[in-house]
Amino acid sequence: MIERFLFHFKLYFMLSLILEVSYAVMGAGIGAGLAAIGAGIGIGRIGGSAMEAMARQPEEAGKIQGAMLIIAALVEVAALFALVICFLVSNKL
């Protein structure tokens, strides 16, 4: 009777560990996808706004382009940071 109880307890414990790992990996995948989508939307809005600003003031195109590149790089860094955190979470287990 005790052996049967221990078998079921070990089985339940192993299944709960597998579920925890699968939830962490699934969450990391969803987080990585959301980070990539957010970065894409952010860079698209930056580029669109910069093009509109350059069309309105062509003489300031150099300054606008420089600012656009800096902000786009910051958005990419934030997205890469989010991806690294997601991969660390999924590989921690």
C-alpha atoms as a PDB file:
ATOM      1  CA  MET A   1       0.000   0.000   0.000  1.00  0.00           C
ATOM      2  CA  ILE A   2       2.793   2.431   0.879  1.00  0.00           C
ATOM      3  CA  GLU A   3       4.649   1.569  -2.334  1.00  0.00           C
ATOM      4  CA  ARG A   4       1.575   2.421  -4.344  1.00  0.00           C
ATOM      5  CA  PHE A   5       1.197   5.729  -2.511  1.00  0.00           C
ATOM      6  CA  LEU A   6       4.854   6.588  -3.103  1.00  0.00           C
ATOM      7  CA  PHE A   7       4.534   5.711  -6.785  1.00  0.00           C
ATOM      8  CA  HIS A   8       1.536   8.026  -7.211  1.00  0.00           C
ATOM      9  CA  PHE A   9       3.252  10.769  -5.227  1.00  0.00           C
ATOM     10  CA  LYS A  10       6.379  10.552  -7.397  1.00  0.00           C
ATOM     11  CA  LEU A  11       4.268  10.526 -10.556  1.00  0.00           C
ATOM     12  CA  TYR A  12       2.295  13.571  -9.403  1.00  0.00           C
ATOM     13  CA  PHE A  13       5.511  15.387  -8.476  1.00  0.00           C
ATOM     14  CA  MET A  14       7.123  14.668 -11.870  1.00  0.00           C
ATOM     15  CA  LEU A  15       4.025  15.783 -13.755  1.00  0.00           C
ATOM     16  CA  SER A  16       3.858  19.011 -11.790  1.00  0.00           C
ATOM     17  CA  LEU A  17       7.514  19.720 -12.604  1.00  0.00           C
ATOM     18  CA  ILE A  18       6.894  19.075 -16.300  1.00  0.00           C
ATOM     19  CA  LEU A  19       3.921  21.446 -16.241  1.00  0.00           C
ATOM     20  CA  GLU A  20       5.944  24.169 -14.540  1.00  0.00           C
ATOM     21  CA  VAL A  21       8.692  23.879 -17.131  1.00  0.00           C
ATOM     22  CA  SER A  22       6.242  23.895 -20.022  1.00  0.00           C
ATOM     23  CA  TYR A  23       4.434  26.948 -18.657  1.00  0.00           C
ATOM     24  CA  ALA A  24       7.745  28.806 -18.282  1.00  0.00           C
ATOM     25  CA  VAL A  25       8.812  27.967 -21.829  1.00  0.00           C
ATOM     26  CA  MET A  26       5.409  28.929 -23.192  1.00  0.00           C
ATOM     27  CA  GLY A  27       5.492  32.221 -21.287  1.00  0.00           C
ATOM     28  CA  ALA A  28       8.993  32.949 -22.552  1.00  0.00           C
ATOM     29  CA  GLY A  29       7.870  32.319 -26.126  1.00  0.00           C
ATOM     30  CA  ILE A  30       4.869  34.588 -25.764  1.00  0.00           C
ATOM     31  CA  GLY A  31       7.024  37.262 -24.142  1.00  0.00           C
ATOM     32  CA  ALA A  32       9.594  37.085 -26.935  1.00  0.00           C
ATOM     33  CA  GLY A  33       6.841  37.383 -29.537  1.00  0.00           C
ATOM     34  CA  LEU A  34       5.297  40.385 -27.825  1.00  0.00           C
ATOM     35  CA  ALA A  35       8.704  42.054 -27.550  1.00  0.00           C
ATOM     36  CA  ALA A  36       9.311  41.578 -31.271  1.00  0.00           C
ATOM     37  CA  ILE A  37       5.848  42.875 -32.162  1.00  0.00           C
ATOM     38  CA  GLY A  38       6.299  45.904 -29.905  1.00  0.00           C
ATOM     39  CA  ALA A  39       9.667  46.713 -31.426  1.00  0.00           C
ATOM     40  CA  GLY A  40       8.259  46.420 -34.934  1.00  0.00           C
ATOM     41  CA  ILE A  41       5.357  48.720 -34.152  1.00  0.00           C
ATOM     42  CA  GLY A  42       7.646  51.209 -32.405  1.00  0.00           C
ATOM     43  CA  ILE A  43      10.156  51.399 -35.237  1.00  0.00           C
ATOM     44  CA  GLY A  44       7.353  51.677 -37.778  1.00  0.00           C
ATOM     45  CA  ARG A  45       5.845  54.622 -35.934  1.00  0.00           C
ATOM     46  CA  ILE A  46       9.258  56.261 -35.557  1.00  0.00           C
ATOM     47  CA  GLY A  47       9.990  55.895 -39.258  1.00  0.00           C
ATOM     48  CA  GLY A  48       6.565  57.136 -40.306  1.00  0.00           C
ATOM     49  CA  SER A  49       6.721  60.155 -38.038  1.00  0.00           C
ATOM     50  CA  ALA A  50      10.239  60.980 -39.202  1.00  0.00           C
ATOM     51  CA  MET A  51       9.212  60.801 -42.861  1.00  0.00           C
ATOM     52  CA  GLU A  52       6.258  63.071 -42.153  1.00  0.00           C
ATOM     53  CA  ALA A  53       8.478  65.544 -40.303  1.00  0.00           C
ATOM     54  CA  MET A  54      11.033  65.547 -43.141  1.00  0.00           C
ATOM     55  CA  ALA A  55       8.264  66.166 -45.661  1.00  0.00           C
ATOM     56  CA  ARG A  56       7.064  69.151 -43.652  1.00  0.00           C
ATOM     57  CA  GLN A  57      10.540  70.604 -43.003  1.00  0.00           C
ATOM     58  CA  PRO A  58      13.057  69.360 -45.574  1.00  0.00           C
ATOM     59  CA  GLU A  59      15.763  71.708 -44.290  1.00  0.00           C
ATOM     60  CA  GLU A  60      15.805  69.860 -40.937  1.00  0.00           C
ATOM     61  CA  ALA A  61      16.066  66.388 -42.493  1.00  0.00           C
ATOM     62  CA  GLY A  62      19.574  65.744 -41.147  1.00  0.00           C
ATOM     63  CA  LYS A  63      18.620  66.470 -37.538  1.00  0.00           C
ATOM     64  CA  ILE A  64      15.412  64.483 -37.802  1.00  0.00           C
ATOM     65  CA  GLN A  65      17.185  61.502 -39.334  1.00  0.00           C
ATOM     66  CA  GLY A  66      19.832  61.500 -36.609  1.00  0.00           C
ATOM     67  CA  ALA A  67      17.222  61.633 -33.863  1.00  0.00           C
ATOM     68  CA  MET A  68      15.216  58.909 -35.604  1.00  0.00           C
ATOM     69  CA  LEU A  69      18.204  56.570 -35.722  1.00  0.00           C
ATOM     70  CA  ILE A  70      19.027  57.118 -32.052  1.00  0.00           C
ATOM     71  CA  ILE A  71      15.452  56.469 -30.947  1.00  0.00           C
ATOM     72  CA  ALA A  72      15.167  53.408 -33.217  1.00  0.00           C
ATOM     73  CA  ALA A  73      18.365  52.027 -31.677  1.00  0.00           C
ATOM     74  CA  LEU A  74      16.924  52.537 -28.182  1.00  0.00           C
ATOM     75  CA  VAL A  75      13.746  50.683 -29.173  1.00  0.00           C
ATOM     76  CA  GLU A  76      15.826  47.816 -30.556  1.00  0.00           C
ATOM     77  CA  VAL A  77      17.894  47.659 -27.359  1.00  0.00           C
ATOM     78  CA  ALA A  78      14.725  47.461 -25.262  1.00  0.00           C
ATOM     79  CA  ALA A  79      13.406  44.653 -27.478  1.00  0.00           C
ATOM     80  CA  LEU A  80      16.684  42.737 -27.290  1.00  0.00           C
ATOM     81  CA  PHE A  81      16.712  43.135 -23.520  1.00  0.00           C
ATOM     82  CA  ALA A  82      13.205  41.668 -23.352  1.00  0.00           C
ATOM     83  CA  LEU A  83      14.247  38.758 -25.584  1.00  0.00           C
ATOM     84  CA  VAL A  84      17.288  38.023 -23.425  1.00  0.00           C
ATOM     85  CA  ILE A  85      15.136  38.018 -20.288  1.00  0.00           C
ATOM     86  CA  CYS A  86      12.669  35.630 -21.958  1.00  0.00           C
ATOM     87  CA  PHE A  87      15.448  33.256 -22.967  1.00  0.00           C
ATOM     88  CA  LEU A  88      16.966  33.385 -19.497  1.00  0.00           C
ATOM     89  CA  VAL A  89      13.624  32.485 -17.984  1.00  0.00           C
ATOM     90  CA  SER A  90      13.127  29.565 -20.352  1.00  0.00           C
ATOM     91  CA  ASN A  91      16.679  28.246 -19.901  1.00  0.00           C
ATOM     92  CA  LYS A  92      16.749  28.691 -16.130  1.00  0.00           C
ATOM     93  CA  LEU A  93      14.795  25.500 -15.677  1.00  0.00           C
END
